[in-house]
Amino acid sequence: MYSTRPRIDWEKQLIRIVLGWVMLVLTACSLLNRDASAATLGHDTQLEIEAITTCSQACRERGQCGTTAEQGTVVLGGVFQPLTNSHDMFFPIDTRVSINGVTPYVLRQVSDGQQFSINFYNVIAPDGKSGWVAGWCLTAPQ
């Protein structure tokens, strides 16, 4: 006697279920862990009123991120003027700051001499600390 029910291939079904779960997890992770590179950074557009400090890929590549033992990853800046090296202050990442002013600066790439413009923002943190931060290191609040 033969059964009229169709034969189920359990191996194929198991593979489909596992692949479905993998796709679901990857999709959920990509939605939850959106990187700052996908956000609007202060060098792409002029930010107004508020911003959030971030160590975006552009910020890291240009040496504007650092670390401290107490606060972990930080965004580097200047107390009295915009700086791209010899920084004299920092803000912890993910700090919501008020924008006090913005000034475009023309910088020169050391490696090839190419010039480009970048916005530097004078920002104030909730603790009252203020300073200049490169637009690469600020993102618009979501």
N, C-alpha and C. Protein backbone atom coordinates (compact mmCIF):
# COMPACT_ATOMS: atom_id res chain seq x y z
N MET A 1 0.82 -1.16 0.00
CA MET A 1 0.00 0.00 0.00
C MET A 1 0.87 1.24 0.00
N TYR A 2 0.39 2.14 -0.77
CA TYR A 2 1.08 3.41 -0.88
C TYR A 2 0.19 4.51 -0.34
N SER A 3 0.84 5.48 0.29
CA SER A 3 0.10 6.62 0.82
C SER A 3 -0.11 7.64 -0.29
N THR A 4 -1.25 8.30 -0.25
CA THR A 4 -1.53 9.32 -1.26
C THR A 4 -1.03 10.70 -0.81
N ARG A 5 -0.54 10.79 0.40
CA ARG A 5 -0.02 12.07 0.88
C ARG A 5 1.34 12.34 0.23
N PRO A 6 1.61 13.59 -0.11
CA PRO A 6 2.91 13.90 -0.71
C PRO A 6 4.03 13.74 0.32
N ARG A 7 5.17 13.33 -0.16
CA ARG A 7 6.33 13.12 0.70
C ARG A 7 6.97 14.48 1.00
N ILE A 8 7.27 14.73 2.26
CA ILE A 8 7.88 16.00 2.66
C ILE A 8 9.39 15.79 2.76
N ASP A 9 10.13 16.66 2.09
CA ASP A 9 11.59 16.62 2.16
C ASP A 9 12.02 17.51 3.33
N TRP A 10 12.25 16.89 4.48
CA TRP A 10 12.54 17.63 5.70
C TRP A 10 13.84 18.42 5.62
N GLU A 11 14.81 17.94 4.90
CA GLU A 11 16.07 18.67 4.79
C GLU A 11 15.87 20.00 4.07
N LYS A 12 15.12 20.00 2.99
CA LYS A 12 14.86 21.25 2.27
C LYS A 12 14.03 22.20 3.12
N GLN A 13 13.06 21.66 3.83
CA GLN A 13 12.22 22.51 4.70
C GLN A 13 13.06 23.15 5.80
N LEU A 14 13.96 22.38 6.39
CA LEU A 14 14.81 22.89 7.45
C LEU A 14 15.73 23.99 6.92
N ILE A 15 16.29 23.79 5.74
CA ILE A 15 17.15 24.80 5.12
C ILE A 15 16.37 26.08 4.87
N ARG A 16 15.15 25.95 4.38
CA ARG A 16 14.32 27.14 4.14
C ARG A 16 14.02 27.89 5.43
N ILE A 17 13.72 27.16 6.48
CA ILE A 17 13.42 27.79 7.77
C ILE A 17 14.66 28.51 8.31
N VAL A 18 15.81 27.85 8.26
CA VAL A 18 17.05 28.46 8.75
C VAL A 18 17.39 29.71 7.94
N LEU A 19 17.29 29.63 6.62
CA LEU A 19 17.57 30.80 5.78
C LEU A 19 16.60 31.94 6.06
N GLY A 20 15.34 31.60 6.30
CA GLY A 20 14.36 32.62 6.64
C GLY A 20 14.72 33.34 7.94
N TRP A 21 15.13 32.58 8.95
CA TRP A 21 15.54 33.19 10.22
C TRP A 21 16.78 34.05 10.05
N VAL A 22 17.73 33.58 9.26
CA VAL A 22 18.94 34.37 9.02
C VAL A 22 18.59 35.70 8.36
N MET A 23 17.72 35.67 7.36
CA MET A 23 17.31 36.90 6.68
C MET A 23 16.58 37.84 7.65
N LEU A 24 15.73 37.28 8.50
CA LEU A 24 15.00 38.08 9.48
C LEU A 24 15.96 38.75 10.46
N VAL A 25 16.93 38.01 10.96
CA VAL A 25 17.90 38.55 11.91
C VAL A 25 18.75 39.64 11.26
N LEU A 26 19.23 39.40 10.05
CA LEU A 26 20.04 40.39 9.35
C LEU A 26 19.25 41.67 9.09
N THR A 27 18.01 41.53 8.71
CA THR A 27 17.18 42.71 8.48
C THR A 27 16.96 43.48 9.77
N ALA A 28 16.65 42.78 10.84
CA ALA A 28 16.44 43.43 12.14
C ALA A 28 17.70 44.14 12.61
N CYS A 29 18.85 43.49 12.47
CA CYS A 29 20.10 44.11 12.90
C CYS A 29 20.42 45.35 12.08
N SER A 30 20.16 45.31 10.80
CA SER A 30 20.46 46.48 9.97
C SER A 30 19.55 47.65 10.32
N LEU A 31 18.34 47.38 10.75
CA LEU A 31 17.44 48.45 11.15
C LEU A 31 17.78 49.01 12.52
N LEU A 32 18.24 48.16 13.42
CA LEU A 32 18.56 48.61 14.77
C LEU A 32 19.92 49.28 14.85
N ASN A 33 20.88 48.83 14.06
CA ASN A 33 22.24 49.34 14.16
C ASN A 33 22.60 50.23 12.99
N ARG A 34 21.75 51.17 12.71
CA ARG A 34 22.05 52.09 11.62
C ARG A 34 23.26 52.92 11.98
N ASP A 35 24.22 52.96 11.07
CA ASP A 35 25.46 53.68 11.30
C ASP A 35 25.28 55.15 10.99
N ALA A 36 26.17 55.96 11.57
CA ALA A 36 26.14 57.39 11.32
C ALA A 36 26.43 57.73 9.88
N SER A 37 27.10 56.81 9.18
CA SER A 37 27.40 57.08 7.77
C SER A 37 26.14 57.23 6.95
N ALA A 38 25.04 56.63 7.40
CA ALA A 38 23.78 56.76 6.68
C ALA A 38 23.01 58.00 7.11
N ALA A 39 23.44 58.62 8.20
CA ALA A 39 22.75 59.80 8.71
C ALA A 39 23.26 61.05 8.00
N THR A 40 22.58 62.17 8.21
CA THR A 40 23.00 63.44 7.64
C THR A 40 24.07 64.05 8.53
N LEU A 41 25.28 64.15 8.00
CA LEU A 41 26.39 64.69 8.75
C LEU A 41 26.53 66.18 8.48
N GLY A 42 27.22 66.87 9.37
CA GLY A 42 27.38 68.31 9.27
C GLY A 42 28.27 68.79 8.15
N HIS A 43 28.92 67.89 7.44
CA HIS A 43 29.68 68.34 6.26
C HIS A 43 28.85 68.17 4.99
N ASP A 44 27.77 67.39 5.06
CA ASP A 44 26.87 67.19 3.92
C ASP A 44 25.88 68.34 3.79
N THR A 45 25.46 68.86 4.92
CA THR A 45 24.45 69.92 4.96
C THR A 45 24.73 70.79 6.18
N GLN A 46 24.23 71.99 6.19
CA GLN A 46 24.43 72.84 7.36
C GLN A 46 23.41 72.48 8.42
N LEU A 47 23.91 72.06 9.57
CA LEU A 47 23.04 71.71 10.69
C LEU A 47 22.61 72.98 11.41
N GLU A 48 21.44 72.93 12.02
CA GLU A 48 20.92 74.09 12.75
C GLU A 48 20.38 73.65 14.10
N ILE A 49 20.46 74.49 15.07
CA ILE A 49 19.90 74.37 16.41
C ILE A 49 20.59 73.28 17.23
N GLU A 50 20.46 72.00 16.84
CA GLU A 50 21.04 70.90 17.61
C GLU A 50 21.71 69.88 16.71
N ALA A 51 22.64 69.14 17.31
CA ALA A 51 23.32 68.04 16.60
C ALA A 51 23.72 67.01 17.64
N ILE A 52 24.17 65.86 17.15
CA ILE A 52 24.65 64.79 18.02
C ILE A 52 26.07 64.45 17.60
N THR A 53 26.98 64.40 18.57
CA THR A 53 28.36 64.05 18.26
C THR A 53 28.43 62.58 17.85
N THR A 54 29.21 62.31 16.82
CA THR A 54 29.32 60.95 16.31
C THR A 54 30.71 60.72 15.74
N CYS A 55 31.20 59.53 15.88
CA CYS A 55 32.49 59.17 15.30
C CYS A 55 32.21 58.44 13.98
N SER A 56 31.77 59.20 12.98
CA SER A 56 31.45 58.63 11.67
C SER A 56 32.73 58.15 10.99
N GLN A 57 32.59 57.45 9.90
CA GLN A 57 33.75 56.97 9.16
C GLN A 57 34.61 58.16 8.71
N ALA A 58 33.98 59.22 8.21
CA ALA A 58 34.72 60.41 7.78
C ALA A 58 35.45 61.06 8.95
N CYS A 59 34.82 61.09 10.11
CA CYS A 59 35.42 61.67 11.31
C CYS A 59 36.66 60.85 11.72
N ARG A 60 36.53 59.52 11.70
CA ARG A 60 37.66 58.63 12.05
C ARG A 60 38.80 58.78 11.06
N GLU A 61 38.46 58.76 9.76
CA GLU A 61 39.49 58.81 8.72
C GLU A 61 40.30 60.10 8.78
N ARG A 62 39.73 61.15 9.31
CA ARG A 62 40.42 62.44 9.36
C ARG A 62 41.01 62.73 10.74
N GLY A 63 41.08 61.72 11.58
CA GLY A 63 41.74 61.85 12.88
C GLY A 63 41.01 62.72 13.88
N GLN A 64 39.69 62.76 13.80
CA GLN A 64 38.91 63.61 14.69
C GLN A 64 38.24 62.83 15.81
N CYS A 65 38.54 61.53 15.93
CA CYS A 65 38.01 60.68 17.01
C CYS A 65 39.15 60.28 17.92
N GLY A 66 38.84 60.04 19.16
CA GLY A 66 39.82 59.57 20.12
C GLY A 66 39.14 58.69 21.15
N THR A 67 39.89 58.29 22.17
CA THR A 67 39.33 57.49 23.26
C THR A 67 39.88 57.98 24.59
N THR A 68 39.07 57.85 25.62
CA THR A 68 39.51 58.12 26.98
C THR A 68 39.14 56.92 27.83
N ALA A 69 39.85 56.75 28.93
CA ALA A 69 39.57 55.62 29.82
C ALA A 69 38.19 55.75 30.45
N GLU A 70 37.79 56.98 30.77
CA GLU A 70 36.53 57.19 31.47
C GLU A 70 35.32 57.18 30.54
N GLN A 71 35.46 57.75 29.34
CA GLN A 71 34.29 57.96 28.49
C GLN A 71 34.31 57.19 27.19
N GLY A 72 35.32 56.39 26.96
CA GLY A 72 35.38 55.60 25.73
C GLY A 72 35.65 56.48 24.52
N THR A 73 34.94 56.23 23.42
CA THR A 73 35.15 56.97 22.18
C THR A 73 34.64 58.40 22.32
N VAL A 74 35.45 59.35 21.85
CA VAL A 74 35.10 60.76 21.93
C VAL A 74 35.37 61.44 20.59
N VAL A 75 34.74 62.59 20.40
CA VAL A 75 34.99 63.45 19.24
C VAL A 75 35.92 64.56 19.70
N LEU A 76 36.99 64.77 18.95
CA LEU A 76 37.99 65.77 19.32
C LEU A 76 37.62 67.14 18.76
N GLY A 77 38.04 68.19 19.44
CA GLY A 77 37.71 69.54 18.99
C GLY A 77 38.69 70.57 19.52
N GLY A 78 38.34 71.82 19.31
CA GLY A 78 39.15 72.94 19.77
C GLY A 78 38.35 73.87 20.65
N VAL A 79 38.97 74.35 21.73
CA VAL A 79 38.27 75.24 22.65
C VAL A 79 37.98 76.60 22.01
N PHE A 80 39.02 77.21 21.42
CA PHE A 80 38.88 78.58 20.93
C PHE A 80 38.76 78.70 19.42
N GLN A 81 39.13 77.65 18.69
CA GLN A 81 39.11 77.71 17.23
C GLN A 81 39.00 76.30 16.66
N PRO A 82 38.57 76.19 15.41
CA PRO A 82 38.53 74.88 14.76
C PRO A 82 39.95 74.31 14.63
N LEU A 83 40.09 73.02 14.93
CA LEU A 83 41.38 72.35 14.84
C LEU A 83 41.22 71.01 14.13
N THR A 84 42.24 70.64 13.34
CA THR A 84 42.26 69.30 12.75
C THR A 84 43.38 68.46 13.34
N ASN A 85 44.22 69.08 14.16
CA ASN A 85 45.25 68.35 14.91
C ASN A 85 45.56 69.15 16.17
N SER A 86 46.35 68.60 17.05
CA SER A 86 46.68 69.25 18.33
C SER A 86 45.41 69.70 19.06
N HIS A 87 44.42 68.82 19.09
CA HIS A 87 43.14 69.13 19.74
C HIS A 87 43.34 69.43 21.22
N ASP A 88 42.49 70.28 21.77
CA ASP A 88 42.60 70.62 23.18
C ASP A 88 41.30 70.40 23.96
N MET A 89 40.37 69.65 23.37
CA MET A 89 39.13 69.30 24.07
C MET A 89 38.46 68.12 23.38
N PHE A 90 37.44 67.57 24.02
CA PHE A 90 36.68 66.47 23.41
C PHE A 90 35.26 66.45 23.96
N PHE A 91 34.38 65.80 23.19
CA PHE A 91 33.00 65.54 23.60
C PHE A 91 32.76 64.04 23.48
N PRO A 92 32.11 63.41 24.45
CA PRO A 92 31.74 61.99 24.30
C PRO A 92 30.81 61.82 23.09
N ILE A 93 30.90 60.67 22.44
CA ILE A 93 29.99 60.43 21.32
C ILE A 93 28.56 60.33 21.84
N ASP A 94 27.62 60.56 20.95
CA ASP A 94 26.19 60.53 21.25
C ASP A 94 25.75 61.63 22.23
N THR A 95 26.54 62.70 22.30
CA THR A 95 26.15 63.85 23.12
C THR A 95 25.31 64.80 22.27
N ARG A 96 24.13 65.14 22.76
CA ARG A 96 23.28 66.12 22.05
C ARG A 96 23.81 67.50 22.42
N VAL A 97 24.22 68.25 21.40
CA VAL A 97 24.80 69.57 21.62
C VAL A 97 23.96 70.64 20.93
N SER A 98 24.02 71.85 21.46
CA SER A 98 23.38 73.01 20.82
C SER A 98 24.40 73.66 19.91
N ILE A 99 23.94 74.09 18.74
CA ILE A 99 24.83 74.74 17.79
C ILE A 99 24.79 76.24 18.04
N ASN A 100 25.97 76.79 18.33
CA ASN A 100 26.11 78.21 18.63
C ASN A 100 26.54 79.00 17.40
N GLY A 101 27.13 78.33 16.43
CA GLY A 101 27.58 78.99 15.21
C GLY A 101 28.23 77.99 14.27
N VAL A 102 28.36 78.38 13.02
CA VAL A 102 29.00 77.52 12.02
C VAL A 102 29.89 78.39 11.14
N THR A 103 31.07 77.87 10.82
CA THR A 103 32.02 78.58 9.97
C THR A 103 32.62 77.61 8.97
N PRO A 104 32.50 77.90 7.67
CA PRO A 104 33.15 77.05 6.68
C PRO A 104 34.65 77.37 6.62
N TYR A 105 35.46 76.33 6.55
CA TYR A 105 36.91 76.49 6.43
C TYR A 105 37.38 75.74 5.20
N VAL A 106 38.39 76.28 4.55
CA VAL A 106 39.03 75.59 3.43
C VAL A 106 40.26 74.89 3.99
N LEU A 107 40.30 73.58 3.81
CA LEU A 107 41.42 72.76 4.28
C LEU A 107 42.19 72.22 3.09
N ARG A 108 43.44 71.86 3.34
CA ARG A 108 44.27 71.28 2.30
C ARG A 108 44.67 69.86 2.72
N GLN A 109 44.40 68.91 1.84
CA GLN A 109 44.78 67.52 2.08
C GLN A 109 46.30 67.42 2.03
N VAL A 110 46.92 66.92 3.10
CA VAL A 110 48.38 66.84 3.17
C VAL A 110 48.95 65.92 2.10
N SER A 111 48.29 64.80 1.85
CA SER A 111 48.84 63.79 0.93
C SER A 111 48.94 64.27 -0.51
N ASP A 112 47.96 65.04 -0.98
CA ASP A 112 47.98 65.44 -2.40
C ASP A 112 47.79 66.94 -2.64
N GLY A 113 47.65 67.72 -1.58
CA GLY A 113 47.51 69.17 -1.72
C GLY A 113 46.14 69.64 -2.15
N GLN A 114 45.20 68.72 -2.33
CA GLN A 114 43.85 69.08 -2.76
C GLN A 114 43.15 69.89 -1.67
N GLN A 115 42.45 70.96 -2.07
CA GLN A 115 41.70 71.79 -1.13
C GLN A 115 40.22 71.41 -1.14
N PHE A 116 39.60 71.55 0.02
CA PHE A 116 38.16 71.30 0.13
C PHE A 116 37.62 72.12 1.29
N SER A 117 36.31 72.35 1.26
CA SER A 117 35.66 73.15 2.29
C SER A 117 34.94 72.22 3.28
N ILE A 118 34.97 72.58 4.54
CA ILE A 118 34.29 71.81 5.58
C ILE A 118 33.70 72.79 6.59
N ASN A 119 32.51 72.50 7.07
CA ASN A 119 31.89 73.30 8.12
C ASN A 119 32.43 72.88 9.48
N PHE A 120 32.82 73.85 10.29
CA PHE A 120 33.14 73.62 11.69
C PHE A 120 32.04 74.30 12.50
N TYR A 121 31.61 73.61 13.56
CA TYR A 121 30.50 74.09 14.38
C TYR A 121 30.99 74.43 15.78
N ASN A 122 30.56 75.58 16.26
CA ASN A 122 30.78 75.94 17.65
C ASN A 122 29.58 75.38 18.41
N VAL A 123 29.84 74.43 19.30
CA VAL A 123 28.74 73.72 19.97
C VAL A 123 28.86 73.86 21.48
N ILE A 124 27.72 73.67 22.14
CA ILE A 124 27.65 73.72 23.59
C ILE A 124 26.98 72.43 24.07
N ALA A 125 27.67 71.71 24.96
CA ALA A 125 27.14 70.46 25.53
C ALA A 125 26.22 70.79 26.71
N PRO A 126 25.39 69.84 27.11
CA PRO A 126 24.48 70.07 28.25
C PRO A 126 25.21 70.46 29.54
N ASP A 127 26.48 70.02 29.69
CA ASP A 127 27.23 70.38 30.90
C ASP A 127 27.86 71.77 30.82
N GLY A 128 27.60 72.50 29.71
CA GLY A 128 28.11 73.86 29.55
C GLY A 128 29.43 73.95 28.82
N LYS A 129 30.08 72.82 28.58
CA LYS A 129 31.36 72.83 27.86
C LYS A 129 31.10 73.21 26.41
N SER A 130 31.92 74.11 25.87
CA SER A 130 31.73 74.53 24.48
C SER A 130 33.05 74.45 23.72
N GLY A 131 32.94 74.33 22.40
CA GLY A 131 34.13 74.26 21.56
C GLY A 131 33.74 74.05 20.11
N TRP A 132 34.76 73.91 19.26
CA TRP A 132 34.59 73.75 17.82
C TRP A 132 34.76 72.29 17.44
N VAL A 133 33.84 71.79 16.61
CA VAL A 133 33.86 70.40 16.14
C VAL A 133 33.67 70.39 14.63
N ALA A 134 34.40 69.52 13.94
CA ALA A 134 34.27 69.39 12.49
C ALA A 134 32.91 68.80 12.13
N GLY A 135 32.36 69.22 11.01
CA GLY A 135 31.07 68.73 10.54
C GLY A 135 31.04 67.23 10.31
N TRP A 136 32.20 66.62 10.05
CA TRP A 136 32.26 65.16 9.87
C TRP A 136 31.80 64.43 11.13
N CYS A 137 31.88 65.12 12.27
CA CYS A 137 31.67 64.48 13.57
C CYS A 137 30.35 64.86 14.23
N LEU A 138 29.46 65.47 13.46
CA LEU A 138 28.14 65.83 13.97
C LEU A 138 27.07 65.31 13.02
N THR A 139 26.00 64.84 13.59
CA THR A 139 24.88 64.35 12.79
C THR A 139 23.60 65.04 13.23
N ALA A 140 22.66 65.15 12.31
CA ALA A 140 21.36 65.75 12.64
C ALA A 140 20.59 64.81 13.56
N PRO A 141 19.91 65.34 14.58
CA PRO A 141 19.09 64.49 15.45
C PRO A 141 17.98 63.83 14.63
N GLN A 142 17.65 62.60 14.97
CA GLN A 142 16.61 61.86 14.25
C GLN A 142 15.27 62.09 14.91
